[in-house]
Amino acid sequence: MSIIEKMSKIVNDGDVAAGEKLIHDDYQFLMHASGKKLSKQDILKWLGMKDVQMEKVRVLFENDEVGFGLSLIHISDPTRPLYISYAVFCLK
């Protein structure tokens, strides 16, 4: 299973323990629209809320150094729209 598929499963399961093991301590999630950066601890807190589901996850490219994936994101709040998400991971 690719790291993108593993991360998608962790998000869908809300598995904080698996996220703790997989996500590097220096991980940062950049929210491109606002410029806000989320740390590993921010992501783990978010995972624990179990309010996000990823579907139609596509691994567009992945090797030992980088991964690029695309997915649809559903947030449990019905007033929030469906999002198209892309992710670029540096794996080393």
C-alpha atoms as a PDB file:
ATOM      1  CA  MET A   1       0.000   0.000   0.000  1.00  0.00           C
ATOM      2  CA  SER A   2       1.353   3.435  -0.918  1.00  0.00           C
ATOM      3  CA  ILE A   3       1.928   6.092   1.742  1.00  0.00           C
ATOM      4  CA  ILE A   4      -0.882   8.174   0.196  1.00  0.00           C
ATOM      5  CA  GLU A   5      -3.288   5.228   0.509  1.00  0.00           C
ATOM      6  CA  LYS A   6      -2.113   4.642   4.094  1.00  0.00           C
ATOM      7  CA  MET A   7      -2.707   8.284   5.002  1.00  0.00           C
ATOM      8  CA  SER A   8      -6.161   8.192   3.391  1.00  0.00           C
ATOM      9  CA  LYS A   9      -7.076   5.146   5.474  1.00  0.00           C
ATOM     10  CA  ILE A  10      -5.796   6.852   8.630  1.00  0.00           C
ATOM     11  CA  VAL A  11      -7.930   9.930   7.867  1.00  0.00           C
ATOM     12  CA  ASN A  12     -11.053   7.880   7.095  1.00  0.00           C
ATOM     13  CA  ASP A  13     -10.624   5.773  10.247  1.00  0.00           C
ATOM     14  CA  GLY A  14      -9.726   8.772  12.432  1.00  0.00           C
ATOM     15  CA  ASP A  15      -6.787   6.660  13.617  1.00  0.00           C
ATOM     16  CA  VAL A  16      -4.680   9.029  15.734  1.00  0.00           C
ATOM     17  CA  ALA A  17      -2.263   6.277  16.868  1.00  0.00           C
ATOM     18  CA  ALA A  18      -1.480   5.266  13.272  1.00  0.00           C
ATOM     19  CA  GLY A  19      -1.138   8.951  12.334  1.00  0.00           C
ATOM     20  CA  GLU A  20       1.352   9.424  15.170  1.00  0.00           C
ATOM     21  CA  LYS A  21       3.486   6.600  13.719  1.00  0.00           C
ATOM     22  CA  LEU A  22       3.239   7.602  10.048  1.00  0.00           C
ATOM     23  CA  ILE A  23       3.502  11.396  10.177  1.00  0.00           C
ATOM     24  CA  HIS A  24       6.986  12.836  10.655  1.00  0.00           C
ATOM     25  CA  ASP A  25       7.488  15.197  13.609  1.00  0.00           C
ATOM     26  CA  ASP A  26       8.467  18.041  11.245  1.00  0.00           C
ATOM     27  CA  TYR A  27       5.382  17.561   9.019  1.00  0.00           C
ATOM     28  CA  GLN A  28       3.575  20.733   7.928  1.00  0.00           C
ATOM     29  CA  PHE A  29       0.284  20.983   6.065  1.00  0.00           C
ATOM     30  CA  LEU A  30       0.047  24.215   4.075  1.00  0.00           C
ATOM     31  CA  MET A  31      -3.472  25.512   3.482  1.00  0.00           C
ATOM     32  CA  HIS A  32      -2.827  27.277   0.196  1.00  0.00           C
ATOM     33  CA  ALA A  33      -5.908  29.553   0.292  1.00  0.00           C
ATOM     34  CA  SER A  34      -5.132  31.051   3.709  1.00  0.00           C
ATOM     35  CA  GLY A  35      -1.401  30.377   3.944  1.00  0.00           C
ATOM     36  CA  LYS A  36      -1.964  28.786   7.363  1.00  0.00           C
ATOM     37  CA  LYS A  37       0.382  25.933   8.314  1.00  0.00           C
ATOM     38  CA  LEU A  38      -0.768  22.975  10.409  1.00  0.00           C
ATOM     39  CA  SER A  39       1.738  20.960  12.445  1.00  0.00           C
ATOM     40  CA  LYS A  40       1.744  17.233  13.124  1.00  0.00           C
ATOM     41  CA  GLN A  41      -0.095  17.866  16.399  1.00  0.00           C
ATOM     42  CA  ASP A  42      -2.728  19.957  14.584  1.00  0.00           C
ATOM     43  CA  ILE A  43      -3.283  17.104  12.118  1.00  0.00           C
ATOM     44  CA  LEU A  44      -3.517  14.496  14.899  1.00  0.00           C
ATOM     45  CA  LYS A  45      -6.116  16.623  16.695  1.00  0.00           C
ATOM     46  CA  TRP A  46      -8.039  16.953  13.439  1.00  0.00           C
ATOM     47  CA  LEU A  47      -7.880  13.170  12.873  1.00  0.00           C
ATOM     48  CA  GLY A  48      -9.349  12.564  16.315  1.00  0.00           C
ATOM     49  CA  MET A  49     -12.417  14.636  15.419  1.00  0.00           C
ATOM     50  CA  LYS A  50     -13.352  12.045  12.743  1.00  0.00           C
ATOM     51  CA  ASP A  51     -15.229  14.640  10.711  1.00  0.00           C
ATOM     52  CA  VAL A  52     -13.467  14.156   7.363  1.00  0.00           C
ATOM     53  CA  GLN A  53     -13.744  11.367   4.805  1.00  0.00           C
ATOM     54  CA  MET A  54     -11.578  10.972   1.720  1.00  0.00           C
ATOM     55  CA  GLU A  55     -12.886   9.155  -1.331  1.00  0.00           C
ATOM     56  CA  LYS A  56     -11.776   8.395  -4.852  1.00  0.00           C
ATOM     57  CA  VAL A  57      -8.151   8.633  -3.727  1.00  0.00           C
ATOM     58  CA  ARG A  58      -5.794   8.498  -6.674  1.00  0.00           C
ATOM     59  CA  VAL A  59      -2.058   8.113  -6.385  1.00  0.00           C
ATOM     60  CA  LEU A  60      -0.832  10.096  -9.361  1.00  0.00           C
ATOM     61  CA  PHE A  61       2.858   9.556  -8.645  1.00  0.00           C
ATOM     62  CA  GLU A  62       4.896   8.099  -5.839  1.00  0.00           C
ATOM     63  CA  ASN A  63       8.466   6.927  -5.393  1.00  0.00           C
ATOM     64  CA  ASP A  64      10.878   6.739  -2.436  1.00  0.00           C
ATOM     65  CA  GLU A  65      11.200  10.527  -2.200  1.00  0.00           C
ATOM     66  CA  VAL A  66       7.899  12.164  -3.151  1.00  0.00           C
ATOM     67  CA  GLY A  67       4.230  11.351  -3.572  1.00  0.00           C
ATOM     68  CA  PHE A  68       1.396  13.224  -5.294  1.00  0.00           C
ATOM     69  CA  GLY A  69      -2.235  12.271  -4.791  1.00  0.00           C
ATOM     70  CA  LEU A  70      -5.721  13.546  -5.544  1.00  0.00           C
ATOM     71  CA  SER A  71      -8.988  12.881  -3.698  1.00  0.00           C
ATOM     72  CA  LEU A  72     -12.464  14.146  -2.878  1.00  0.00           C
ATOM     73  CA  ILE A  73     -12.922  15.370   0.697  1.00  0.00           C
ATOM     74  CA  HIS A  74     -16.231  15.273   2.586  1.00  0.00           C
ATOM     75  CA  ILE A  75     -16.522  17.219   5.837  1.00  0.00           C
ATOM     76  CA  SER A  76     -19.284  16.075   8.205  1.00  0.00           C
ATOM     77  CA  ASP A  77     -20.739  19.587   8.468  1.00  0.00           C
ATOM     78  CA  PRO A  78     -23.557  19.551   5.845  1.00  0.00           C
ATOM     79  CA  THR A  79     -23.149  23.295   5.219  1.00  0.00           C
ATOM     80  CA  ARG A  80     -19.584  22.749   3.978  1.00  0.00           C
ATOM     81  CA  PRO A  81     -19.106  21.844   0.298  1.00  0.00           C
ATOM     82  CA  LEU A  82     -17.291  18.861  -1.161  1.00  0.00           C
ATOM     83  CA  TYR A  83     -13.617  19.637  -1.721  1.00  0.00           C
ATOM     84  CA  ILE A  84     -11.141  18.393  -4.257  1.00  0.00           C
ATOM     85  CA  SER A  85      -7.835  17.909  -2.531  1.00  0.00           C
ATOM     86  CA  TYR A  86      -4.339  17.302  -3.742  1.00  0.00           C
ATOM     87  CA  ALA A  87      -1.371  16.445  -1.625  1.00  0.00           C
ATOM     88  CA  VAL A  88       2.345  16.431  -2.224  1.00  0.00           C
ATOM     89  CA  PHE A  89       4.405  14.457   0.266  1.00  0.00           C
ATOM     90  CA  CYS A  90       8.151  14.509   0.726  1.00  0.00           C
ATOM     91  CA  LEU A  91       8.850  11.006   1.928  1.00  0.00           C
ATOM     92  CA  LYS A  92      12.421  11.373   3.131  1.00  0.00           C
END
